[in-house]
N, C-alpha and C. Protein backbone atom coordinates (compact mmCIF):
# COMPACT_ATOMS: atom_id res chain seq x y z
N MET A 1 15.48 69.21 94.29
CA MET A 1 15.14 70.52 93.17
C MET A 1 15.17 71.73 93.82
N GLU A 2 15.28 72.17 92.94
CA GLU A 2 15.76 74.11 93.71
C GLU A 2 15.09 75.15 93.03
N LEU A 3 14.19 75.59 94.15
CA LEU A 3 12.99 76.77 93.63
C LEU A 3 14.00 78.12 92.87
N ASN A 4 14.06 78.98 91.78
CA ASN A 4 14.06 79.66 91.71
C ASN A 4 12.73 80.84 91.70
N LEU A 5 13.07 81.82 92.40
CA LEU A 5 12.12 82.78 93.03
C LEU A 5 12.12 83.23 92.10
N GLU A 6 13.51 84.13 91.38
CA GLU A 6 13.54 85.01 89.86
C GLU A 6 12.21 85.03 89.34
N GLU A 7 12.51 83.69 88.81
CA GLU A 7 11.14 83.17 87.52
C GLU A 7 10.45 83.91 87.74
N ALA A 8 9.56 84.25 88.91
CA ALA A 8 8.27 84.44 89.44
C ALA A 8 8.10 85.89 89.63
N LEU A 9 9.22 86.47 89.34
CA LEU A 9 8.95 88.32 89.26
C LEU A 9 7.92 88.85 88.93
N GLU A 10 7.57 88.42 87.41
CA GLU A 10 7.13 89.10 86.58
C GLU A 10 5.78 88.46 86.21
N ALA A 11 5.13 86.94 86.16
CA ALA A 11 4.49 86.70 86.30
C ALA A 11 4.20 85.02 87.10
N PRO A 12 2.97 84.50 87.33
CA PRO A 12 3.31 83.04 88.16
C PRO A 12 3.42 82.17 87.13
N VAL A 13 4.28 81.07 87.82
CA VAL A 13 5.14 80.01 87.53
C VAL A 13 4.27 78.93 88.23
N ALA A 14 4.33 77.60 86.86
CA ALA A 14 3.40 76.44 87.64
C ALA A 14 4.52 75.83 87.90
N LEU A 15 4.12 75.05 88.77
CA LEU A 15 5.44 73.88 89.46
C LEU A 15 4.79 72.71 89.50
N SER A 16 5.09 71.25 89.20
CA SER A 16 5.22 70.42 89.39
C SER A 16 7.13 69.23 89.79
N HIS A 17 6.70 68.90 90.85
CA HIS A 17 8.18 67.94 91.37
C HIS A 17 7.40 66.63 91.63
N ARG A 18 8.07 65.62 91.32
CA ARG A 18 7.92 64.08 91.29
C ARG A 18 9.56 63.77 92.57
N LEU A 19 8.85 63.62 93.63
CA LEU A 19 10.37 63.48 94.92
C LEU A 19 10.56 62.39 95.86
N GLU A 20 11.35 61.29 95.34
CA GLU A 20 12.06 59.53 95.84
C GLU A 20 12.30 60.29 96.78
N VAL A 21 11.45 60.12 98.07
CA VAL A 21 12.13 60.10 99.62
C VAL A 21 12.68 58.64 100.31
N PRO A 22 14.11 57.71 100.48
CA PRO A 22 13.91 56.91 101.16
C PRO A 22 13.64 56.90 102.31
N VAL A 23 12.69 55.83 102.76
CA VAL A 23 11.51 55.84 103.86
C VAL A 23 13.08 56.01 105.34
N GLY A 24 14.17 55.41 105.21
CA GLY A 24 15.11 55.49 106.51
C GLY A 24 15.53 56.95 106.67
N ARG A 25 15.35 57.97 105.67
CA ARG A 25 16.15 59.43 105.81
C ARG A 25 14.78 60.12 106.66
N LEU A 26 13.51 59.06 107.15
CA LEU A 26 12.55 60.05 107.40
C LEU A 26 12.37 59.85 109.29
N GLU A 27 13.29 58.29 109.35
CA GLU A 27 13.31 57.85 110.12
C GLU A 27 11.92 57.94 111.48
N ARG A 28 11.21 57.01 110.62
CA ARG A 28 9.81 57.09 111.21
C ARG A 28 9.81 55.11 111.14
N PRO A 29 9.69 54.76 112.06
CA PRO A 29 10.20 52.97 112.51
C PRO A 29 8.94 52.45 111.87
N GLU A 30 7.72 53.34 111.84
CA GLU A 30 6.44 52.55 111.65
C GLU A 30 6.24 52.89 110.02
N LEU A 31 7.13 53.26 109.28
CA LEU A 31 7.18 53.22 108.21
C LEU A 31 7.29 52.38 107.23
N LEU A 32 6.84 51.62 106.44
CA LEU A 32 6.93 50.10 105.69
C LEU A 32 7.56 50.91 104.36
N SER A 33 6.66 51.49 103.34
CA SER A 33 7.33 52.13 102.20
C SER A 33 7.00 53.15 101.99
N LEU A 34 7.39 54.14 100.88
CA LEU A 34 6.42 55.60 100.47
C LEU A 34 6.60 55.59 98.91
N GLU A 35 5.61 55.47 98.51
CA GLU A 35 5.93 56.16 97.11
C GLU A 35 6.54 57.40 96.80
N PRO A 36 7.13 57.81 95.44
CA PRO A 36 7.35 58.73 95.14
C PRO A 36 6.37 60.19 95.78
N VAL A 37 6.42 61.33 96.18
CA VAL A 37 5.53 61.97 96.96
C VAL A 37 5.65 63.28 95.30
N GLU A 38 4.20 63.49 95.23
CA GLU A 38 3.71 64.35 94.05
C GLU A 38 3.52 65.89 94.89
N PHE A 39 3.93 66.96 94.11
CA PHE A 39 3.47 68.10 94.74
C PHE A 39 3.18 68.87 93.27
N SER A 40 2.07 69.63 92.78
CA SER A 40 1.57 70.81 91.99
C SER A 40 1.41 71.47 92.46
N GLY A 41 1.84 73.30 91.86
CA GLY A 41 1.44 74.30 92.83
C GLY A 41 2.18 75.63 91.89
N THR A 42 1.74 76.32 92.42
CA THR A 42 2.13 78.00 91.77
C THR A 42 2.84 78.83 92.11
N LEU A 43 3.84 79.17 92.05
CA LEU A 43 4.87 80.58 92.94
C LEU A 43 4.75 81.34 91.87
N GLN A 44 4.35 82.46 92.84
CA GLN A 44 3.93 83.82 92.40
C GLN A 44 4.67 84.84 93.63
N LYS A 45 4.77 85.86 92.97
CA LYS A 45 4.95 87.07 93.61
C LYS A 45 3.98 87.70 94.39
N ALA A 46 4.71 87.73 96.31
CA ALA A 46 3.50 88.45 96.97
C ALA A 46 4.51 89.40 97.30
N GLU A 47 3.66 90.10 98.89
CA GLU A 47 4.25 91.09 99.61
C GLU A 47 5.05 90.29 101.00
N PRO A 48 6.12 90.15 101.51
CA PRO A 48 7.11 90.65 100.82
C PRO A 48 7.96 90.25 100.24
N GLY A 49 7.68 89.05 99.63
CA GLY A 49 8.32 88.26 98.59
C GLY A 49 8.05 87.38 97.83
N PHE A 50 7.88 85.94 97.97
CA PHE A 50 6.92 85.17 96.98
C PHE A 50 6.03 83.85 97.78
N VAL A 51 5.31 83.58 97.29
CA VAL A 51 4.12 82.16 97.99
C VAL A 51 4.31 81.19 97.06
N LEU A 52 3.66 80.25 97.67
CA LEU A 52 4.10 78.91 96.61
C LEU A 52 3.25 78.09 97.06
N SER A 53 2.10 77.60 96.77
CA SER A 53 0.42 76.78 96.89
C SER A 53 0.79 76.05 96.12
N GLY A 54 0.25 75.28 96.43
CA GLY A 54 -0.49 73.88 95.74
C GLY A 54 -0.67 72.69 96.58
N GLU A 55 -0.93 71.54 96.26
CA GLU A 55 -1.35 70.38 96.42
C GLU A 55 -0.07 68.97 96.33
N LEU A 56 0.38 68.19 97.73
CA LEU A 56 1.11 67.10 97.93
C LEU A 56 0.17 66.27 98.22
N ALA A 57 0.73 65.22 97.58
CA ALA A 57 0.05 63.78 97.68
C ALA A 57 0.93 62.94 97.86
N VAL A 58 0.62 61.64 99.20
CA VAL A 58 1.92 61.16 99.21
C VAL A 58 0.68 59.70 99.79
N SER A 59 1.59 58.69 99.30
CA SER A 59 0.97 57.32 99.53
C SER A 59 1.88 55.92 99.84
N GLY A 60 1.40 55.11 100.97
CA GLY A 60 2.51 53.96 101.21
C GLY A 60 1.87 53.35 102.37
N GLN A 61 2.87 52.23 102.41
CA GLN A 61 2.89 51.64 103.89
C GLN A 61 3.22 51.74 105.09
N ALA A 62 2.04 51.27 106.54
CA ALA A 62 2.99 51.52 107.58
C ALA A 62 2.52 50.27 108.41
N VAL A 63 2.81 50.29 109.71
CA VAL A 63 2.89 49.03 110.56
C VAL A 63 1.86 49.73 111.37
N CYS A 64 0.72 48.68 111.55
CA CYS A 64 -0.19 49.11 112.67
C CYS A 64 0.43 49.07 113.77
N SER A 65 0.07 50.24 114.84
CA SER A 65 0.52 50.05 115.84
C SER A 65 -0.04 48.98 116.89
N ARG A 66 -1.14 48.36 116.68
CA ARG A 66 -1.48 47.78 117.64
C ARG A 66 -1.47 46.32 117.32
N CYS A 67 -1.35 45.86 115.87
CA CYS A 67 -1.33 44.16 115.73
C CYS A 67 -0.20 44.25 114.72
N LEU A 68 0.75 45.08 114.12
CA LEU A 68 2.05 45.15 113.06
C LEU A 68 1.84 44.51 111.67
N ALA A 69 0.36 44.34 111.62
CA ALA A 69 -0.39 44.19 109.79
C ALA A 69 0.28 45.63 109.41
N PRO A 70 0.88 45.76 107.56
CA PRO A 70 1.08 46.34 106.94
C PRO A 70 -0.28 47.14 106.73
N VAL A 71 -0.32 48.64 106.86
CA VAL A 71 -1.56 49.61 106.90
C VAL A 71 -1.16 50.24 105.30
N PRO A 72 -1.92 50.21 104.50
CA PRO A 72 -1.92 51.37 103.39
C PRO A 72 -2.34 52.80 103.97
N PHE A 73 -1.77 53.58 103.23
CA PHE A 73 -1.78 55.25 103.80
C PHE A 73 -2.20 56.07 102.08
N ALA A 74 -3.08 57.07 101.90
CA ALA A 74 -2.26 58.01 101.17
C ALA A 74 -3.13 59.10 101.71
N SER A 75 -2.79 60.24 101.51
CA SER A 75 -3.39 61.98 101.31
C SER A 75 -2.68 62.50 100.91
N ARG A 76 -3.62 63.71 100.47
CA ARG A 76 -3.91 64.49 99.36
C ARG A 76 -4.18 65.77 100.51
N GLY A 77 -3.20 66.56 100.11
CA GLY A 77 -3.64 68.00 100.85
C GLY A 77 -3.09 69.07 100.17
N ASP A 78 -3.79 70.68 100.57
CA ASP A 78 -3.10 71.73 100.21
C ASP A 78 -2.31 72.30 101.23
N VAL A 79 -0.69 72.79 100.17
CA VAL A 79 0.29 73.31 101.06
C VAL A 79 0.47 74.28 100.31
N SER A 80 1.57 75.18 101.60
CA SER A 80 1.55 76.48 101.25
C SER A 80 3.43 77.03 101.89
N TRP A 81 4.37 77.76 101.22
CA TRP A 81 5.29 78.16 101.98
C TRP A 81 5.21 79.96 101.70
N VAL A 82 5.74 80.39 102.54
CA VAL A 82 5.83 81.99 101.86
C VAL A 82 7.30 82.31 102.54
N PHE A 83 8.02 83.11 101.08
CA PHE A 83 9.30 83.64 101.12
C PHE A 83 9.30 84.62 101.24
N ALA A 84 10.45 85.01 102.10
CA ALA A 84 10.30 86.71 101.93
C ALA A 84 12.31 86.67 102.15
N PRO A 85 12.53 87.75 101.61
CA PRO A 85 13.92 87.99 102.25
C PRO A 85 14.41 88.32 103.62
N ALA A 86 15.55 87.24 103.94
CA ALA A 86 16.42 87.41 105.02
C ALA A 86 16.36 88.69 105.59
N HIS A 87 16.93 89.85 104.45
CA HIS A 87 17.37 91.64 105.30
C HIS A 87 15.67 91.82 105.82
N ARG A 88 14.66 91.39 105.99
CA ARG A 88 13.51 92.24 106.12
C ARG A 88 13.06 91.17 107.14
N ARG A 89 13.71 90.14 107.61
CA ARG A 89 13.77 89.89 109.08
C ARG A 89 13.65 90.29 110.29
N PRO A 90 12.21 90.40 111.23
CA PRO A 90 12.38 91.22 112.16
C PRO A 90 13.51 90.19 113.32
N THR A 91 14.29 91.84 113.98
CA THR A 91 15.13 91.05 114.92
C THR A 91 14.23 90.65 116.20
N ALA A 92 14.92 89.91 117.34
CA ALA A 92 14.50 89.58 118.62
C ALA A 92 14.14 91.10 119.35
N GLU A 93 14.97 92.06 118.83
CA GLU A 93 14.80 93.78 119.79
C GLU A 93 13.48 94.35 119.18
N GLU A 94 13.41 94.01 117.66
CA GLU A 94 12.16 94.90 117.16
C GLU A 94 10.63 94.58 117.68
N THR A 95 10.72 92.89 117.45
CA THR A 95 9.21 92.38 117.48
C THR A 95 9.38 90.83 118.49
N GLU A 96 8.44 90.66 118.70
CA GLU A 96 8.23 89.95 119.16
C GLU A 96 7.58 88.56 118.04
N LEU A 97 7.91 87.48 118.00
CA LEU A 97 7.71 86.35 117.29
C LEU A 97 6.19 85.88 117.12
N THR A 98 5.14 86.20 115.87
CA THR A 98 4.40 85.27 115.73
C THR A 98 3.97 84.50 115.19
N ALA A 99 2.71 83.48 115.08
CA ALA A 99 2.83 82.27 113.95
C ALA A 99 3.39 82.21 113.09
N THR A 100 3.12 83.56 112.94
CA THR A 100 3.09 83.54 110.58
C THR A 100 4.28 84.08 110.52
N ASP A 101 5.36 83.92 111.77
CA ASP A 101 6.73 84.35 111.27
C ASP A 101 7.27 83.08 110.97
N LEU A 102 6.90 81.76 112.08
CA LEU A 102 7.33 80.80 111.83
C LEU A 102 6.67 79.96 110.68
N GLU A 103 5.81 80.27 109.78
CA GLU A 103 5.48 79.77 108.44
C GLU A 103 6.52 80.60 107.69
N VAL A 104 7.37 81.13 107.46
CA VAL A 104 7.87 82.03 107.03
C VAL A 104 9.11 81.16 106.53
N VAL A 105 9.99 81.25 105.65
CA VAL A 105 11.48 80.63 104.90
C VAL A 105 12.01 81.54 104.57
N TRP A 106 13.18 82.34 105.03
CA TRP A 106 13.48 83.04 105.11
C TRP A 106 14.67 82.99 103.88
N TYR A 107 14.90 83.89 102.82
CA TYR A 107 15.89 82.95 101.71
C TYR A 107 17.00 84.98 101.83
N GLU A 108 17.95 84.07 101.51
CA GLU A 108 19.04 85.36 100.96
C GLU A 108 19.63 85.29 99.88
N ASP A 109 19.52 83.91 98.95
CA ASP A 109 19.46 84.34 97.57
C ASP A 109 17.79 83.47 96.97
N PHE A 110 18.24 84.18 95.49
CA PHE A 110 16.77 83.80 95.17
C PHE A 110 16.40 81.99 94.42
N ILE A 111 17.37 81.17 94.93
CA ILE A 111 17.58 80.11 94.73
C ILE A 111 17.58 78.99 96.31
N VAL A 112 16.40 78.20 96.12
CA VAL A 112 16.00 78.02 97.10
C VAL A 112 16.04 76.45 97.45
N PRO A 113 16.41 75.75 98.39
CA PRO A 113 16.16 73.88 97.92
C PRO A 113 14.80 73.74 98.31
N PHE A 114 14.04 73.07 97.47
CA PHE A 114 12.58 72.93 97.68
C PHE A 114 12.49 71.34 98.16
N ASP A 115 13.62 70.48 98.42
CA ASP A 115 13.20 69.14 98.62
C ASP A 115 13.04 69.09 100.08
N PRO A 116 13.75 70.08 101.51
CA PRO A 116 13.37 70.12 101.91
C PRO A 116 12.11 70.29 103.15
N LEU A 117 11.70 71.40 102.25
CA LEU A 117 10.26 71.72 102.56
C LEU A 117 9.28 70.64 102.55
N VAL A 118 9.49 69.88 101.05
CA VAL A 118 8.43 68.91 101.15
C VAL A 118 8.53 67.84 101.95
N GLU A 119 9.92 67.44 102.57
CA GLU A 119 9.79 66.58 103.17
C GLU A 119 9.70 66.52 104.52
N GLU A 120 9.29 68.58 105.11
CA GLU A 120 9.44 68.62 106.73
C GLU A 120 7.07 68.64 106.20
N MET A 121 6.71 68.72 104.90
CA MET A 121 5.33 68.45 105.07
C MET A 121 4.76 66.77 104.83
N LEU A 122 6.26 66.12 104.40
CA LEU A 122 5.28 64.84 104.47
C LEU A 122 5.75 64.09 106.07
N GLN A 123 6.58 64.93 106.61
CA GLN A 123 6.59 64.25 108.25
C GLN A 123 5.21 64.73 108.56
N LEU A 124 4.10 65.25 108.55
CA LEU A 124 3.14 66.10 108.82
C LEU A 124 2.00 64.97 108.16
N GLU A 125 1.57 64.72 107.26
CA GLU A 125 1.11 63.83 106.11
C GLU A 125 1.26 62.44 106.71
N ILE A 126 1.84 61.60 107.03
CA ILE A 126 2.14 60.40 107.63
C ILE A 126 1.24 59.87 108.89
N PRO A 127 0.47 58.97 109.20
CA PRO A 127 -0.36 58.87 109.82
C PRO A 127 0.81 58.45 111.17
N LEU A 128 0.44 58.90 112.79
CA LEU A 128 1.51 58.80 114.01
C LEU A 128 0.78 56.99 114.04
N LYS A 129 -0.08 56.97 114.55
CA LYS A 129 -0.44 55.84 114.97
C LYS A 129 -1.57 54.88 113.67
N PRO A 130 -0.98 54.43 113.02
CA PRO A 130 -1.70 53.84 111.98
C PRO A 130 -2.43 52.31 112.16
N LEU A 131 -3.68 52.42 112.67
CA LEU A 131 -4.41 51.24 112.65
C LEU A 131 -4.83 50.40 111.63
N CYS A 132 -5.02 48.91 111.18
CA CYS A 132 -5.48 48.67 109.77
C CYS A 132 -6.99 48.81 110.00
N ARG A 133 -8.03 48.40 111.04
CA ARG A 133 -8.47 49.07 111.62
C ARG A 133 -9.21 49.57 112.71
N PRO A 134 -10.63 50.22 112.85
CA PRO A 134 -10.69 51.03 114.23
C PRO A 134 -11.09 49.99 115.26
N GLU A 135 -11.20 48.88 115.12
CA GLU A 135 -11.21 47.89 116.47
C GLU A 135 -10.18 46.71 116.28
N CYS A 136 -9.46 47.27 115.74
CA CYS A 136 -8.10 46.44 115.91
C CYS A 136 -7.80 46.18 117.05
N LYS A 137 -7.82 44.30 117.20
CA LYS A 137 -7.40 44.15 119.11
C LYS A 137 -6.00 43.91 119.20
N GLY A 138 -4.93 43.56 118.62
CA GLY A 138 -3.85 44.21 118.63
C GLY A 138 -2.77 42.51 119.41
N LEU A 139 -2.21 42.91 119.69
CA LEU A 139 -1.28 41.37 119.77
C LEU A 139 -1.33 41.27 121.31
N CYS A 140 -1.09 39.54 121.65
CA CYS A 140 -1.18 39.46 122.82
C CYS A 140 -0.37 40.07 123.51
N PRO A 141 0.01 40.34 124.71
CA PRO A 141 1.63 40.54 125.27
C PRO A 141 2.18 39.46 125.99
N THR A 142 1.66 38.32 125.82
CA THR A 142 2.03 37.45 126.96
C THR A 142 2.89 36.49 125.76
N CYS A 143 1.83 36.09 124.70
CA CYS A 143 2.19 34.90 123.53
C CYS A 143 2.34 36.05 122.52
N GLY A 144 2.25 37.16 122.32
CA GLY A 144 2.46 37.41 121.10
C GLY A 144 1.00 37.13 119.73
N ALA A 145 0.17 36.15 120.29
CA ALA A 145 -0.70 35.97 119.64
C ALA A 145 -1.15 36.96 118.59
N ASP A 146 -1.71 36.85 117.41
CA ASP A 146 -2.59 38.27 116.87
C ASP A 146 -4.20 38.05 117.26
N ARG A 147 -4.71 38.67 118.07
CA ARG A 147 -6.05 38.77 119.04
C ARG A 147 -7.10 38.87 117.42
N ASN A 148 -6.39 39.80 116.52
CA ASN A 148 -7.64 39.67 115.51
C ASN A 148 -7.89 38.86 115.23
N VAL A 149 -7.24 37.63 114.79
CA VAL A 149 -7.20 36.05 114.02
C VAL A 149 -7.98 35.29 114.84
N ALA A 150 -7.40 35.10 116.20
CA ALA A 150 -7.89 34.54 117.34
C ALA A 150 -7.48 34.12 118.71
N PRO A 151 -8.63 34.28 119.56
CA PRO A 151 -8.48 34.76 121.01
C PRO A 151 -7.22 33.56 121.41
N CYS A 152 -6.33 34.04 122.49
CA CYS A 152 -5.11 33.27 122.39
C CYS A 152 -6.06 32.44 124.45
N ASP A 153 -5.46 31.91 124.94
CA ASP A 153 -5.59 31.32 126.28
C ASP A 153 -4.85 31.92 127.24
N CYS A 154 -4.01 33.11 127.51
CA CYS A 154 -3.45 33.83 128.18
C CYS A 154 -4.39 34.32 128.67
N ARG A 155 -4.36 34.54 130.36
CA ARG A 155 -4.84 35.65 131.14
C ARG A 155 -4.31 36.27 131.21
N GLU A 156 -4.66 38.16 131.35
CA GLU A 156 -4.15 39.35 131.29
C GLU A 156 -3.70 38.98 133.29
N GLU A 157 -2.62 39.15 133.69
CA GLU A 157 -2.65 39.71 134.72
C GLU A 157 -2.75 40.82 135.39
N GLY A 158 -3.04 41.28 136.25
CA GLY A 158 -3.52 42.32 136.84
C GLY A 158 -2.44 43.08 137.47
N ASP A 159 -2.75 44.61 137.77
CA ASP A 159 -1.60 45.34 138.43
C ASP A 159 -2.23 45.08 139.92
N GLU A 160 -1.03 44.53 140.67
CA GLU A 160 -1.39 43.92 142.12
C GLU A 160 -1.50 45.52 142.83
N ARG A 161 -0.80 46.56 142.76
CA ARG A 161 -1.16 47.72 143.33
C ARG A 161 -2.68 47.96 143.33
N LEU A 162 -3.71 47.66 142.28
CA LEU A 162 -4.65 48.06 141.92
C LEU A 162 -5.56 47.25 142.49
N ALA A 163 -5.28 45.74 143.42
CA ALA A 163 -6.29 45.18 143.97
C ALA A 163 -7.23 45.50 144.54
N LYS A 164 -7.08 46.41 145.39
CA LYS A 164 -7.85 46.87 146.43
C LYS A 164 -9.01 48.01 145.97
N LEU A 165 -8.44 48.55 145.06
CA LEU A 165 -9.52 49.41 144.25
C LEU A 165 -10.96 48.70 143.63
N LYS A 166 -10.13 47.36 143.02
CA LYS A 166 -10.96 46.42 142.01
C LYS A 166 -11.98 45.83 143.10
N SER A 167 -11.47 45.54 144.34
CA SER A 167 -12.30 45.07 145.19
C SER A 167 -13.45 45.90 145.79
N LEU A 168 -13.51 47.52 145.74
CA LEU A 168 -14.38 48.37 145.89
C LEU A 168 -15.15 48.35 145.01
N LEU A 169 -14.98 47.93 143.62
CA LEU A 169 -15.98 47.92 142.59
C LEU A 169 -17.18 46.18 142.55
N SER A 170 -16.53 45.34 143.06
CA SER A 170 -17.57 44.18 143.22
C SER A 170 -18.06 44.27 144.44
C-alpha cells in the first residue's frame, strides 16, 4: 500500500490496511506463522508535515526458546509516524540529531510506501524469546528430552574449571 499524504491536506483521512507478510521475509527463525497484520488509524496534517497514528494488531505462532514447542502470541498496540518533507531535514552542519529526528519519515514526494513501515513495527511486536510458560524447563542438552514432559536420567556434567569454587561452597 502507498500513502498519499496529499489527501490529508484539507481534512484528516481514516485509513485501514491489512498486510500479509511472509514469515521468511522477516528473517526471524523463531517465527512459525503470522496472521495478516491489521492497521487502522488516521492521517492528518501537522507541522512540519503529517502524522499517521493508529493501532497495529499482530498474531501468530513462534517457537518456545527453551523447549521448541509452538507458542501463540498476539499483540495490539498504538503506533505513530511523523512524515516531514525532505527539504526541511536538518543537515549535520546545522544541528545535532535528536531522538525525535530518528522517528521522522522524510519524504520527497507525497506518495510514501507504507508496507515497509508496518514491517519495521512488526519486528518490534514479535516476541524475542517466546516461552510456552514461565516455568518451562526446556530440553535436556545431553539427550534432547523435553523436561516438561518427564525428567531424564542424564547427569549434568559440571564445568571442571569451577570445581575448586564449588568446593568452597560445601
